[in-house]
Amino acid sequence: MTLDDSTPAVRSGAWEAVLAQGFGEVLGRPLAEYDGKARYGAYYSGNFLAESELERDPVWVGRAALAGEERVTTAHLLLTPPGDLDETELVFDASRSLFHVDPRGLSGELAPFAADLATAVEESEGGPWDGALPGADLGRIAGRHGVDLASPELPGGLWTLWRARLASGGETLLDALLAATGLTAVTSPELLPAGVGDAGDELDEEAHELAAGVADPALRDFLVAFCDQESHDLALVPVTPVTPAGEAGEDGEDGEEEDEEEYTDDPSEGGTVVVRWDGAVDQYEIVVRRLEA
């Protein structure tokens, strides 16, 4: 199931309630308890992008992709237990993806382009993404100088995809969760892909327990693949809520949590982590974040 631009991203209130209830079970906390006024986004990153050479694939830097006019669809990035879930594809928004840029290899007639890139990188340092440029900004600068970023004549290290933003119909928490699990285009129960089915036996028992409260059976069968903390394919990484300084948390004292604390809040990476999945034994990760204002 992929995002089709011809499919209106319209969900009924009843279906949204079903989805929200299901994802609340996965998170272990109702979605209504999260900040409803905040913006949320889902990002894909990790070693697999480099090993598969996707981080330098020209598909990310086409003019229409960087302008947000076209989506990027790449198969076989979401690894789940064998079954119909293998066919679930992730869809990306290059305009809101993050790129590392190194203009030092540019010279001659491209010197003005290099200077503009260097200025943009400098201005972004200390910001929410610590020097990385959103695709839309990268595209605008390239367009201003008439540069085709997909050209093989440009230096190989000019741009590198760092965090690929998953395309979503909005920036609510539910939108981000649907994007992270490949369900953005599922605007009604009839469009829900088949779940793990018989392959559910390969999942850890705790995954089934975590998904047991998902009210809709078909959604439960789909989401259980995202609940296995021991999976070598797609492992759920628990996120411990940040405890205010000076207050004792459930797992520690004086506001400190155990090892999971490192996943809760990293100001240098764009905002607070809501949920994270590690794929293929730490080869990639999908993270849903509450974004900085």
C-alpha atoms as a PDB file:
ATOM      1  CA  MET A   1       0.000   0.000   0.000  1.00  0.00           C
ATOM      2  CA  THR A   2       1.543   3.295  -1.078  1.00  0.00           C
ATOM      3  CA  LEU A   3       0.529   6.908  -0.987  1.00  0.00           C
ATOM      4  CA  ASP A   4      -1.214   7.754  -4.242  1.00  0.00           C
ATOM      5  CA  ASP A   5      -1.441  11.477  -4.897  1.00  0.00           C
ATOM      6  CA  SER A   6      -4.790  10.874  -6.571  1.00  0.00           C
ATOM      7  CA  THR A   7      -6.205   9.454  -3.325  1.00  0.00           C
ATOM      8  CA  PRO A   8      -7.721  12.203  -1.166  1.00  0.00           C
ATOM      9  CA  ALA A   9      -6.168  12.127   2.294  1.00  0.00           C
ATOM     10  CA  VAL A  10      -9.579  12.239   3.952  1.00  0.00           C
ATOM     11  CA  ARG A  11     -10.451   9.981   6.870  1.00  0.00           C
ATOM     12  CA  SER A  12     -13.807   9.796   8.600  1.00  0.00           C
ATOM     13  CA  GLY A  13     -13.977  10.709  12.251  1.00  0.00           C
ATOM     14  CA  ALA A  14     -14.927   7.146  13.114  1.00  0.00           C
ATOM     15  CA  TRP A  15     -11.946   5.680  11.262  1.00  0.00           C
ATOM     16  CA  GLU A  16      -9.569   8.224  12.838  1.00  0.00           C
ATOM     17  CA  ALA A  17     -10.841   7.175  16.254  1.00  0.00           C
ATOM     18  CA  VAL A  18     -10.142   3.521  15.422  1.00  0.00           C
ATOM     19  CA  LEU A  19      -6.616   4.380  14.253  1.00  0.00           C
ATOM     20  CA  ALA A  20      -5.916   6.608  17.247  1.00  0.00           C
ATOM     21  CA  GLN A  21      -7.045   3.898  19.649  1.00  0.00           C
ATOM     22  CA  GLY A  22      -4.823   1.330  17.942  1.00  0.00           C
ATOM     23  CA  PHE A  23      -1.697   3.478  17.933  1.00  0.00           C
ATOM     24  CA  GLY A  24      -2.365   4.488  21.521  1.00  0.00           C
ATOM     25  CA  GLU A  25      -2.048   0.820  22.449  1.00  0.00           C
ATOM     26  CA  VAL A  26       1.274   0.568  20.595  1.00  0.00           C
ATOM     27  CA  LEU A  27       2.611   3.638  22.399  1.00  0.00           C
ATOM     28  CA  GLY A  28       1.175   2.553  25.723  1.00  0.00           C
ATOM     29  CA  ARG A  29      -0.483   5.937  26.071  1.00  0.00           C
ATOM     30  CA  PRO A  30      -3.632   7.425  24.472  1.00  0.00           C
ATOM     31  CA  LEU A  31      -2.842   9.880  21.687  1.00  0.00           C
ATOM     32  CA  ALA A  32      -5.097  12.424  23.407  1.00  0.00           C
ATOM     33  CA  GLU A  33      -2.488  12.689  26.178  1.00  0.00           C
ATOM     34  CA  TYR A  34       0.115  14.067  23.764  1.00  0.00           C
ATOM     35  CA  ASP A  35       0.331  17.747  22.868  1.00  0.00           C
ATOM     36  CA  GLY A  36      -2.383  18.155  20.252  1.00  0.00           C
ATOM     37  CA  LYS A  37      -1.122  21.610  19.236  1.00  0.00           C
ATOM     38  CA  ALA A  38       2.395  20.413  18.426  1.00  0.00           C
ATOM     39  CA  ARG A  39       3.708  19.359  15.024  1.00  0.00           C
ATOM     40  CA  TYR A  40       4.978  15.835  14.470  1.00  0.00           C
ATOM     41  CA  GLY A  41       7.054  14.172  11.781  1.00  0.00           C
ATOM     42  CA  ALA A  42       8.445  10.722  10.987  1.00  0.00           C
ATOM     43  CA  TYR A  43      12.009  10.227   9.722  1.00  0.00           C
ATOM     44  CA  TYR A  44      13.950   7.321   8.235  1.00  0.00           C
ATOM     45  CA  SER A  45      17.734   7.168   8.686  1.00  0.00           C
ATOM     46  CA  GLY A  46      20.633   4.840   9.359  1.00  0.00           C
ATOM     47  CA  ASN A  47      23.494   2.865   7.831  1.00  0.00           C
ATOM     48  CA  PHE A  48      21.242   1.139   5.318  1.00  0.00           C
ATOM     49  CA  LEU A  49      20.858   4.365   3.343  1.00  0.00           C
ATOM     50  CA  ALA A  50      24.610   4.447   2.736  1.00  0.00           C
ATOM     51  CA  GLU A  51      25.062   0.704   2.215  1.00  0.00           C
ATOM     52  CA  SER A  52      22.304   0.639  -0.392  1.00  0.00           C
ATOM     53  CA  GLU A  53      23.621   3.900  -1.938  1.00  0.00           C
ATOM     54  CA  LEU A  54      20.197   5.462  -1.470  1.00  0.00           C
ATOM     55  CA  GLU A  55      21.722   8.439   0.312  1.00  0.00           C
ATOM     56  CA  ARG A  56      23.149   9.584  -3.037  1.00  0.00           C
ATOM     57  CA  ASP A  57      20.288   8.484  -5.296  1.00  0.00           C
ATOM     58  CA  PRO A  58      19.358  11.370  -7.653  1.00  0.00           C
ATOM     59  CA  VAL A  59      15.673  10.618  -7.045  1.00  0.00           C
ATOM     60  CA  TRP A  60      15.884  12.702  -3.861  1.00  0.00           C
ATOM     61  CA  VAL A  61      17.095  15.899  -5.547  1.00  0.00           C
ATOM     62  CA  GLY A  62      14.942  16.235  -8.648  1.00  0.00           C
ATOM     63  CA  ARG A  63      13.410  19.700  -8.928  1.00  0.00           C
ATOM     64  CA  ALA A  64       9.834  18.478  -8.423  1.00  0.00           C
ATOM     65  CA  ALA A  65      10.828  16.267  -5.476  1.00  0.00           C
ATOM     66  CA  LEU A  66      12.650  19.066  -3.640  1.00  0.00           C
ATOM     67  CA  ALA A  67       9.734  21.426  -4.339  1.00  0.00           C
ATOM     68  CA  GLY A  68       7.338  18.962  -2.728  1.00  0.00           C
ATOM     69  CA  GLU A  69       5.474  18.392  -5.991  1.00  0.00           C
ATOM     70  CA  GLU A  70       6.412  14.714  -6.272  1.00  0.00           C
ATOM     71  CA  ARG A  71       6.810  11.982  -3.663  1.00  0.00           C
ATOM     72  CA  VAL A  72       9.649   9.494  -3.510  1.00  0.00           C
ATOM     73  CA  THR A  73       8.590   5.859  -3.200  1.00  0.00           C
ATOM     74  CA  THR A  74      11.198   3.219  -2.473  1.00  0.00           C
ATOM     75  CA  ALA A  75      10.324  -0.427  -1.891  1.00  0.00           C
ATOM     76  CA  HIS A  76      11.890  -2.881   0.551  1.00  0.00           C
ATOM     77  CA  LEU A  77      12.862  -0.327   3.194  1.00  0.00           C
ATOM     78  CA  LEU A  78      10.346  -1.424   5.809  1.00  0.00           C
ATOM     79  CA  LEU A  79      11.389  -4.892   6.964  1.00  0.00           C
ATOM     80  CA  THR A  80       8.739  -6.902   8.777  1.00  0.00           C
ATOM     81  CA  PRO A  81       8.077 -10.614   9.363  1.00  0.00           C
ATOM     82  CA  PRO A  82       7.366 -12.621   6.189  1.00  0.00           C
ATOM     83  CA  GLY A  83       3.875 -12.102   4.862  1.00  0.00           C
ATOM     84  CA  ASP A  84       1.792  -9.381   3.281  1.00  0.00           C
ATOM     85  CA  LEU A  85       3.523  -6.681   5.330  1.00  0.00           C
ATOM     86  CA  ASP A  86       6.603  -7.165   3.150  1.00  0.00           C
ATOM     87  CA  GLU A  87       4.703  -5.340   0.416  1.00  0.00           C
ATOM     88  CA  THR A  88       4.092  -2.225   2.510  1.00  0.00           C
ATOM     89  CA  GLU A  89       6.109   0.624   0.993  1.00  0.00           C
ATOM     90  CA  LEU A  90       7.249   3.838   2.604  1.00  0.00           C
ATOM     91  CA  VAL A  91       6.662   7.131   0.799  1.00  0.00           C
ATOM     92  CA  PHE A  92       8.929  10.126   1.338  1.00  0.00           C
ATOM     93  CA  ASP A  93       8.780  13.897   1.077  1.00  0.00           C
ATOM     94  CA  ALA A  94      12.174  15.068  -0.196  1.00  0.00           C
ATOM     95  CA  SER A  95      11.258  18.723   0.377  1.00  0.00           C
ATOM     96  CA  ARG A  96      11.184  18.139   4.142  1.00  0.00           C
ATOM     97  CA  SER A  97      13.966  15.575   4.264  1.00  0.00           C
ATOM     98  CA  LEU A  98      17.331  16.629   5.709  1.00  0.00           C
ATOM     99  CA  PHE A  99      20.562  16.776   3.736  1.00  0.00           C
ATOM    100  CA  HIS A 100      24.183  17.249   4.709  1.00  0.00           C
ATOM    101  CA  VAL A 101      25.843  19.620   2.249  1.00  0.00           C
ATOM    102  CA  ASP A 102      29.549  20.183   1.536  1.00  0.00           C
ATOM    103  CA  PRO A 103      30.078  22.893  -1.122  1.00  0.00           C
ATOM    104  CA  ARG A 104      33.876  22.958  -0.824  1.00  0.00           C
ATOM    105  CA  GLY A 105      34.342  20.999  -4.049  1.00  0.00           C
ATOM    106  CA  LEU A 106      32.584  23.670  -6.110  1.00  0.00           C
ATOM    107  CA  SER A 107      34.618  26.301  -7.909  1.00  0.00           C
ATOM    108  CA  GLY A 108      34.732  28.475 -10.989  1.00  0.00           C
ATOM    109  CA  GLU A 109      31.318  29.471 -12.286  1.00  0.00           C
ATOM    110  CA  LEU A 110      29.660  27.581  -9.422  1.00  0.00           C
ATOM    111  CA  ALA A 111      31.436  29.658  -6.777  1.00  0.00           C
ATOM    112  CA  PRO A 112      28.342  31.851  -6.139  1.00  0.00           C
ATOM    113  CA  PHE A 113      26.266  28.681  -5.672  1.00  0.00           C
ATOM    114  CA  ALA A 114      28.878  27.339  -3.255  1.00  0.00           C
ATOM    115  CA  ALA A 115      28.833  30.606  -1.308  1.00  0.00           C
ATOM    116  CA  ASP A 116      25.047  30.535  -0.945  1.00  0.00           C
ATOM    117  CA  LEU A 117      25.150  26.923   0.221  1.00  0.00           C
ATOM    118  CA  ALA A 118      27.875  27.687   2.747  1.00  0.00           C
ATOM    119  CA  THR A 119      25.843  30.587   4.121  1.00  0.00           C
ATOM    120  CA  ALA A 120      22.736  28.418   4.454  1.00  0.00           C
ATOM    121  CA  VAL A 121      24.682  25.717   6.280  1.00  0.00           C
ATOM    122  CA  GLU A 122      26.237  28.265   8.626  1.00  0.00           C
ATOM    123  CA  GLU A 123      22.841  29.773   9.413  1.00  0.00           C
ATOM    124  CA  SER A 124      21.379  26.347  10.158  1.00  0.00           C
ATOM    125  CA  GLU A 125      24.127  25.398  12.594  1.00  0.00           C
ATOM    126  CA  GLY A 126      22.852  25.591  16.120  1.00  0.00           C
ATOM    127  CA  GLY A 127      19.297  25.183  14.840  1.00  0.00           C
ATOM    128  CA  PRO A 128      17.072  22.163  15.335  1.00  0.00           C
ATOM    129  CA  TRP A 129      18.966  20.054  12.784  1.00  0.00           C
ATOM    130  CA  ASP A 130      22.486  21.275  13.549  1.00  0.00           C
ATOM    131  CA  GLY A 131      23.683  22.282  10.089  1.00  0.00           C
ATOM    132  CA  ALA A 132      21.574  20.017   7.891  1.00  0.00           C
ATOM    133  CA  LEU A 133      19.455  21.651   5.192  1.00  0.00           C
ATOM    134  CA  PRO A 134      15.817  20.810   4.422  1.00  0.00           C
ATOM    135  CA  GLY A 135      15.345  19.663   0.847  1.00  0.00           C
ATOM    136  CA  ALA A 136      13.128  22.646   0.036  1.00  0.00           C
ATOM    137  CA  ASP A 137      15.921  25.070   0.986  1.00  0.00           C
ATOM    138  CA  LEU A 138      18.487  23.079  -0.956  1.00  0.00           C
ATOM    139  CA  GLY A 139      16.199  23.079  -3.983  1.00  0.00           C
ATOM    140  CA  ARG A 140      15.540  26.823  -3.826  1.00  0.00           C
ATOM    141  CA  ILE A 141      19.247  27.628  -3.717  1.00  0.00           C
ATOM    142  CA  ALA A 142      19.988  25.271  -6.601  1.00  0.00           C
ATOM    143  CA  GLY A 143      17.111  26.717  -8.634  1.00  0.00           C
ATOM    144  CA  ARG A 144      18.320  30.257  -8.052  1.00  0.00           C
ATOM    145  CA  HIS A 145      21.660  29.336  -9.627  1.00  0.00           C
ATOM    146  CA  GLY A 146      20.260  27.054 -12.322  1.00  0.00           C
ATOM    147  CA  VAL A 147      22.034  24.012 -10.888  1.00  0.00           C
ATOM    148  CA  ASP A 148      20.766  20.478 -11.472  1.00  0.00           C
ATOM    149  CA  LEU A 149      21.638  18.655  -8.258  1.00  0.00           C
ATOM    150  CA  ALA A 150      21.142  15.293  -9.981  1.00  0.00           C
ATOM    151  CA  SER A 151      23.914  16.032 -12.492  1.00  0.00           C
ATOM    152  CA  PRO A 152      26.759  13.471 -12.389  1.00  0.00           C
ATOM    153  CA  GLU A 153      29.170  16.309 -13.111  1.00  0.00           C
ATOM    154  CA  LEU A 154      28.770  17.718  -9.612  1.00  0.00           C
ATOM    155  CA  PRO A 155      31.172  16.590  -6.839  1.00  0.00           C
ATOM    156  CA  GLY A 156      30.044  13.317  -5.305  1.00  0.00           C
ATOM    157  CA  GLY A 157      30.035  14.667  -1.764  1.00  0.00           C
ATOM    158  CA  LEU A 158      28.080  17.837  -2.489  1.00  0.00           C
ATOM    159  CA  TRP A 159      24.912  16.492  -0.887  1.00  0.00           C
ATOM    160  CA  THR A 160      24.046  13.428   1.156  1.00  0.00           C
ATOM    161  CA  LEU A 161      20.613  12.425   2.380  1.00  0.00           C
ATOM    162  CA  TRP A 162      20.736  12.264   6.175  1.00  0.00           C
ATOM    163  CA  ARG A 163      17.155  11.874   7.397  1.00  0.00           C
ATOM    164  CA  ALA A 164      14.376  11.067   4.950  1.00  0.00           C
ATOM    165  CA  ARG A 165      11.045  12.607   5.984  1.00  0.00           C
ATOM    166  CA  LEU A 166       8.125  10.253   5.516  1.00  0.00           C
ATOM    167  CA  ALA A 167       5.276  11.840   3.577  1.00  0.00           C
ATOM    168  CA  SER A 168       2.094  12.482   5.529  1.00  0.00           C
ATOM    169  CA  GLY A 169      -1.178  14.257   4.922  1.00  0.00           C
ATOM    170  CA  GLY A 170      -0.596  16.592   7.864  1.00  0.00           C
ATOM    171  CA  GLU A 171       1.531  17.119  10.937  1.00  0.00           C
ATOM    172  CA  THR A 172      -0.575  15.638  13.707  1.00  0.00           C
ATOM    173  CA  LEU A 173       0.801  12.764  15.757  1.00  0.00           C
ATOM    174  CA  LEU A 174      -1.592  10.378  14.033  1.00  0.00           C
ATOM    175  CA  ASP A 175      -0.400  11.616  10.622  1.00  0.00           C
ATOM    176  CA  ALA A 176       3.211  10.907  11.599  1.00  0.00           C
ATOM    177  CA  LEU A 177       2.403   7.444  12.957  1.00  0.00           C
ATOM    178  CA  LEU A 178       0.510   6.522   9.803  1.00  0.00           C
ATOM    179  CA  ALA A 179       3.448   7.687   7.689  1.00  0.00           C
ATOM    180  CA  ALA A 180       5.920   5.695   9.790  1.00  0.00           C
ATOM    181  CA  THR A 181       3.956   2.503   9.304  1.00  0.00           C
ATOM    182  CA  GLY A 182       3.096   2.996   5.634  1.00  0.00           C
ATOM    183  CA  LEU A 183      -0.604   3.664   6.256  1.00  0.00           C
ATOM    184  CA  THR A 184      -0.953   7.261   5.044  1.00  0.00           C
ATOM    185  CA  ALA A 185      -3.121   6.261   2.090  1.00  0.00           C
ATOM    186  CA  VAL A 186      -5.402   4.065   4.212  1.00  0.00           C
ATOM    187  CA  THR A 187      -8.327   6.446   4.408  1.00  0.00           C
ATOM    188  CA  SER A 188     -10.884   3.761   5.255  1.00  0.00           C
ATOM    189  CA  PRO A 189     -10.897   0.263   6.803  1.00  0.00           C
ATOM    190  CA  GLU A 190     -11.382  -1.295   3.366  1.00  0.00           C
ATOM    191  CA  LEU A 191      -7.912  -0.080   2.278  1.00  0.00           C
ATOM    192  CA  LEU A 192      -6.074  -1.576   5.238  1.00  0.00           C
ATOM    193  CA  PRO A 193      -3.355  -3.985   4.010  1.00  0.00           C
ATOM    194  CA  ALA A 194      -3.325  -7.561   5.204  1.00  0.00           C
ATOM    195  CA  GLY A 195      -1.409  -8.057   8.429  1.00  0.00           C
ATOM    196  CA  VAL A 196       1.114 -10.640   9.541  1.00  0.00           C
ATOM    197  CA  GLY A 197      -1.379 -13.509   9.349  1.00  0.00           C
ATOM    198  CA  ASP A 198       0.288 -16.875   9.922  1.00  0.00           C
ATOM    199  CA  ALA A 199       3.662 -15.141  10.294  1.00  0.00           C
ATOM    200  CA  GLY A 200       2.412 -13.786  13.616  1.00  0.00           C
ATOM    201  CA  ASP A 201       3.865 -16.886  15.268  1.00  0.00           C
ATOM    202  CA  GLU A 202       7.328 -15.476  14.566  1.00  0.00           C
ATOM    203  CA  LEU A 203       6.684 -12.475  16.787  1.00  0.00           C
ATOM    204  CA  ASP A 204       7.556 -12.360  20.460  1.00  0.00           C
ATOM    205  CA  GLU A 205       4.673 -13.127  22.813  1.00  0.00           C
ATOM    206  CA  GLU A 206       5.020  -9.676  24.375  1.00  0.00           C
ATOM    207  CA  ALA A 207       4.306  -8.110  20.975  1.00  0.00           C
ATOM    208  CA  HIS A 208       0.937  -9.855  20.866  1.00  0.00           C
ATOM    209  CA  GLU A 209       0.257  -8.754  24.431  1.00  0.00           C
ATOM    210  CA  LEU A 210       1.050  -5.135  23.591  1.00  0.00           C
ATOM    211  CA  ALA A 211      -1.259  -5.195  20.571  1.00  0.00           C
ATOM    212  CA  ALA A 212      -4.003  -7.136  22.317  1.00  0.00           C
ATOM    213  CA  GLY A 213      -5.872  -3.961  23.223  1.00  0.00           C
ATOM    214  CA  VAL A 214      -6.155  -2.758  19.606  1.00  0.00           C
ATOM    215  CA  ALA A 215      -9.908  -2.896  19.116  1.00  0.00           C
ATOM    216  CA  ASP A 216     -10.075  -3.442  15.344  1.00  0.00           C
ATOM    217  CA  PRO A 217      -8.954  -7.020  14.485  1.00  0.00           C
ATOM    218  CA  ALA A 218      -7.486  -6.175  11.074  1.00  0.00           C
ATOM    219  CA  LEU A 219      -5.596  -3.185  12.446  1.00  0.00           C
ATOM    220  CA  ARG A 220      -4.384  -5.329  15.352  1.00  0.00           C
ATOM    221  CA  ASP A 221      -3.038  -7.934  12.916  1.00  0.00           C
ATOM    222  CA  PHE A 222      -1.186  -5.188  11.061  1.00  0.00           C
ATOM    223  CA  LEU A 223       0.188  -3.255  14.040  1.00  0.00           C
ATOM    224  CA  VAL A 224       1.432  -6.280  15.973  1.00  0.00           C
ATOM    225  CA  ALA A 225       4.478  -6.336  13.657  1.00  0.00           C
ATOM    226  CA  PHE A 226       5.394  -2.924  15.082  1.00  0.00           C
ATOM    227  CA  CYS A 227       5.199  -4.113  18.703  1.00  0.00           C
ATOM    228  CA  ASP A 228       8.021  -6.667  18.906  1.00  0.00           C
ATOM    229  CA  GLN A 229      10.931  -5.357  20.966  1.00  0.00           C
ATOM    230  CA  GLU A 230      13.036  -8.455  20.194  1.00  0.00           C
ATOM    231  CA  SER A 231      12.548  -8.509  16.416  1.00  0.00           C
ATOM    232  CA  HIS A 232      15.604  -8.657  14.149  1.00  0.00           C
ATOM    233  CA  ASP A 233      13.459  -7.211  11.368  1.00  0.00           C
ATOM    234  CA  LEU A 234      11.681  -4.244  12.952  1.00  0.00           C
ATOM    235  CA  ALA A 235      12.088  -3.757  16.702  1.00  0.00           C
ATOM    236  CA  LEU A 236      10.066  -1.362  18.812  1.00  0.00           C
ATOM    237  CA  VAL A 237      12.365   0.731  21.016  1.00  0.00           C
ATOM    238  CA  PRO A 238      10.562   1.802  24.201  1.00  0.00           C
ATOM    239  CA  VAL A 239      10.652   5.507  24.935  1.00  0.00           C
ATOM    240  CA  THR A 240      10.520   6.666  28.523  1.00  0.00           C
ATOM    241  CA  PRO A 241       8.663   9.958  29.114  1.00  0.00           C
ATOM    242  CA  VAL A 242      10.933  12.756  30.280  1.00  0.00           C
ATOM    243  CA  THR A 243      10.582  13.349  34.006  1.00  0.00           C
ATOM    244  CA  PRO A 244      10.919  16.961  35.250  1.00  0.00           C
ATOM    245  CA  ALA A 245      14.241  17.675  36.913  1.00  0.00           C
ATOM    246  CA  GLY A 246      14.222  17.023  40.618  1.00  0.00           C
ATOM    247  CA  GLU A 247      11.335  14.554  40.533  1.00  0.00           C
ATOM    248  CA  ALA A 248      11.826  10.819  40.853  1.00  0.00           C
ATOM    249  CA  GLY A 249      10.951   8.766  37.792  1.00  0.00           C
ATOM    250  CA  GLU A 250       9.649   5.227  37.773  1.00  0.00           C
ATOM    251  CA  ASP A 251      13.030   3.716  36.973  1.00  0.00           C
ATOM    252  CA  GLY A 252      15.412   6.090  38.668  1.00  0.00           C
ATOM    253  CA  GLU A 253      15.876   8.889  41.161  1.00  0.00           C
ATOM    254  CA  ASP A 254      16.140  12.653  40.882  1.00  0.00           C
ATOM    255  CA  GLY A 255      14.434  12.766  37.523  1.00  0.00           C
ATOM    256  CA  GLU A 256      16.759  10.303  35.827  1.00  0.00           C
ATOM    257  CA  GLU A 257      15.502   7.334  33.837  1.00  0.00           C
ATOM    258  CA  GLU A 258      17.379   4.214  32.837  1.00  0.00           C
ATOM    259  CA  ASP A 259      18.969   3.528  29.428  1.00  0.00           C
ATOM    260  CA  GLU A 260      15.868   4.504  27.472  1.00  0.00           C
ATOM    261  CA  GLU A 261      16.317   8.155  28.475  1.00  0.00           C
ATOM    262  CA  GLU A 262      18.685   8.796  25.564  1.00  0.00           C
ATOM    263  CA  TYR A 263      15.785   8.370  23.134  1.00  0.00           C
ATOM    264  CA  THR A 264      13.467  10.885  24.743  1.00  0.00           C
ATOM    265  CA  ASP A 265      14.871  14.309  23.953  1.00  0.00           C
ATOM    266  CA  ASP A 266      17.751  15.305  21.696  1.00  0.00           C
ATOM    267  CA  PRO A 267      17.650  19.054  20.945  1.00  0.00           C
ATOM    268  CA  SER A 268      20.249  18.679  18.187  1.00  0.00           C
ATOM    269  CA  GLU A 269      17.963  16.425  16.181  1.00  0.00           C
ATOM    270  CA  GLY A 270      14.782  18.387  15.842  1.00  0.00           C
ATOM    271  CA  GLY A 271      12.625  17.616  18.841  1.00  0.00           C
ATOM    272  CA  THR A 272      11.396  15.064  21.338  1.00  0.00           C
ATOM    273  CA  VAL A 273      11.201  11.413  20.313  1.00  0.00           C
ATOM    274  CA  VAL A 274       7.718   9.901  20.623  1.00  0.00           C
ATOM    275  CA  VAL A 275       8.436   6.408  19.296  1.00  0.00           C
ATOM    276  CA  ARG A 276      11.261   4.649  17.515  1.00  0.00           C
ATOM    277  CA  TRP A 277      11.694   1.450  15.534  1.00  0.00           C
ATOM    278  CA  ASP A 278      15.077  -0.133  14.753  1.00  0.00           C
ATOM    279  CA  GLY A 279      15.212  -2.176  11.569  1.00  0.00           C
ATOM    280  CA  ALA A 280      17.459  -5.027  10.444  1.00  0.00           C
ATOM    281  CA  VAL A 281      19.389  -5.089  13.734  1.00  0.00           C
ATOM    282  CA  ASP A 282      20.218  -1.387  13.914  1.00  0.00           C
ATOM    283  CA  GLN A 283      20.783  -0.900  10.179  1.00  0.00           C
ATOM    284  CA  TYR A 284      18.055   1.728  10.002  1.00  0.00           C
ATOM    285  CA  GLU A 285      15.643   3.511  12.276  1.00  0.00           C
ATOM    286  CA  ILE A 286      12.254   5.122  11.946  1.00  0.00           C
ATOM    287  CA  VAL A 287      11.601   7.860  14.480  1.00  0.00           C
ATOM    288  CA  VAL A 288       8.464   9.882  15.140  1.00  0.00           C
ATOM    289  CA  ARG A 289       9.301  13.224  16.726  1.00  0.00           C
ATOM    290  CA  ARG A 290       7.429  16.120  18.209  1.00  0.00           C
ATOM    291  CA  LEU A 291       9.049  18.889  16.215  1.00  0.00           C
ATOM    292  CA  GLU A 292      10.437  22.104  17.564  1.00  0.00           C
ATOM    293  CA  ALA A 293       8.321  25.184  16.883  1.00  0.00           C
END
